[in-house]
């Protein structure tokens, strides 16, 4: 997988993880299992490590959920 492909995959993972965070924390309606969520986060961390790139929207750099 080249750098551009990895970056695209990272963006897709971030979108899926953020959607899962919103569904879980705000809507109280999970869209995936905890295991699936953890696998996505682990894949994202691996890609960040391989590329040396952490995108500004990365959930690896923030705490999920919203202040109510």
C-alpha atoms as a PDB file:
ATOM      1  CA  UNK A   1       0.000   0.000   0.000  1.00  0.00           C
ATOM      2  CA  UNK A   2       1.526   3.347  -1.008  1.00  0.00           C
ATOM      3  CA  UNK A   3       1.426   6.582   1.008  1.00  0.00           C
ATOM      4  CA  UNK A   4      -1.606   8.020  -0.826  1.00  0.00           C
ATOM      5  CA  UNK A   5      -3.563   4.800  -0.396  1.00  0.00           C
ATOM      6  CA  UNK A   6      -2.700   4.701   3.301  1.00  0.00           C
ATOM      7  CA  UNK A   7      -3.742   8.334   3.721  1.00  0.00           C
ATOM      8  CA  UNK A   8      -7.072   7.633   2.001  1.00  0.00           C
ATOM      9  CA  UNK A   9      -7.627   4.610   4.230  1.00  0.00           C
ATOM     10  CA  UNK A  10      -6.843   6.726   7.295  1.00  0.00           C
ATOM     11  CA  UNK A  11      -9.458   9.288   6.241  1.00  0.00           C
ATOM     12  CA  UNK A  12     -12.036   6.527   5.737  1.00  0.00           C
ATOM     13  CA  UNK A  13     -11.249   5.016   9.140  1.00  0.00           C
ATOM     14  CA  UNK A  14     -11.546   8.409  10.823  1.00  0.00           C
ATOM     15  CA  UNK A  15     -14.972   8.945   9.245  1.00  0.00           C
ATOM     16  CA  UNK A  16     -16.202   5.499  10.366  1.00  0.00           C
ATOM     17  CA  UNK A  17     -14.844   5.906  13.900  1.00  0.00           C
ATOM     18  CA  UNK A  18     -16.355   9.377  14.274  1.00  0.00           C
ATOM     19  CA  UNK A  19     -19.726   8.085  13.009  1.00  0.00           C
ATOM     20  CA  UNK A  20     -19.546   5.271  15.561  1.00  0.00           C
ATOM     21  CA  UNK A  21     -18.681   7.769  18.322  1.00  0.00           C
ATOM     22  CA  UNK A  22     -21.676   9.924  17.442  1.00  0.00           C
ATOM     23  CA  UNK A  23     -24.016   6.940  17.301  1.00  0.00           C
ATOM     24  CA  UNK A  24     -22.757   5.585  20.624  1.00  0.00           C
ATOM     25  CA  UNK A  25     -22.292   8.720  22.715  1.00  0.00           C
ATOM     26  CA  UNK A  26     -24.881  11.155  21.340  1.00  0.00           C
ATOM     27  CA  UNK A  27     -27.584   8.903  19.918  1.00  0.00           C
ATOM     28  CA  UNK A  28     -27.243   5.971  22.334  1.00  0.00           C
ATOM     29  CA  UNK A  29     -27.579   3.679  19.307  1.00  0.00           C
ATOM     30  CA  UNK A  30     -24.309   1.815  18.601  1.00  0.00           C
ATOM     31  CA  UNK A  31     -23.683   0.958  14.952  1.00  0.00           C
ATOM     32  CA  UNK A  32     -20.897  -1.571  15.567  1.00  0.00           C
ATOM     33  CA  UNK A  33     -19.593  -3.846  18.283  1.00  0.00           C
ATOM     34  CA  UNK A  34     -16.829  -2.803  20.650  1.00  0.00           C
ATOM     35  CA  UNK A  35     -14.548  -5.310  18.958  1.00  0.00           C
ATOM     36  CA  UNK A  36     -15.186  -3.843  15.500  1.00  0.00           C
ATOM     37  CA  UNK A  37     -14.557  -0.349  16.877  1.00  0.00           C
ATOM     38  CA  UNK A  38     -11.304  -1.426  18.522  1.00  0.00           C
ATOM     39  CA  UNK A  39     -10.143  -3.089  15.291  1.00  0.00           C
ATOM     40  CA  UNK A  40     -10.719   0.144  13.355  1.00  0.00           C
ATOM     41  CA  UNK A  41      -8.829   2.187  15.948  1.00  0.00           C
ATOM     42  CA  UNK A  42      -5.964  -0.330  15.971  1.00  0.00           C
ATOM     43  CA  UNK A  43      -5.749  -0.213  12.165  1.00  0.00           C
ATOM     44  CA  UNK A  44      -5.698   3.585  12.261  1.00  0.00           C
ATOM     45  CA  UNK A  45      -2.921   3.600  14.875  1.00  0.00           C
ATOM     46  CA  UNK A  46      -0.904   1.156  12.766  1.00  0.00           C
ATOM     47  CA  UNK A  47      -1.264   3.333   9.663  1.00  0.00           C
ATOM     48  CA  UNK A  48      -0.298   6.426  11.646  1.00  0.00           C
ATOM     49  CA  UNK A  49       2.807   4.620  12.851  1.00  0.00           C
ATOM     50  CA  UNK A  50       3.730   3.376   9.362  1.00  0.00           C
ATOM     51  CA  UNK A  51       3.295   6.755   7.680  1.00  0.00           C
ATOM     52  CA  UNK A  52       4.456   9.006  10.506  1.00  0.00           C
ATOM     53  CA  UNK A  53       1.336  11.054   9.775  1.00  0.00           C
ATOM     54  CA  UNK A  54      -1.438  11.899  12.219  1.00  0.00           C
ATOM     55  CA  UNK A  55      -4.339  13.741  10.620  1.00  0.00           C
ATOM     56  CA  UNK A  56      -5.844  16.625  12.586  1.00  0.00           C
ATOM     57  CA  UNK A  57      -9.232  14.910  12.839  1.00  0.00           C
ATOM     58  CA  UNK A  58      -7.770  11.655  14.140  1.00  0.00           C
ATOM     59  CA  UNK A  59      -9.710  10.116  17.028  1.00  0.00           C
ATOM     60  CA  UNK A  60      -6.396   8.774  18.342  1.00  0.00           C
ATOM     61  CA  UNK A  61      -5.696  12.340  19.474  1.00  0.00           C
ATOM     62  CA  UNK A  62      -9.039  13.161  21.102  1.00  0.00           C
ATOM     63  CA  UNK A  63     -11.450  11.807  23.686  1.00  0.00           C
ATOM     64  CA  UNK A  64     -14.690  10.569  22.077  1.00  0.00           C
ATOM     65  CA  UNK A  65     -18.067  11.915  23.089  1.00  0.00           C
ATOM     66  CA  UNK A  66     -19.524  15.333  23.653  1.00  0.00           C
ATOM     67  CA  UNK A  67     -19.891  17.578  26.656  1.00  0.00           C
ATOM     68  CA  UNK A  68     -23.581  17.816  27.446  1.00  0.00           C
END
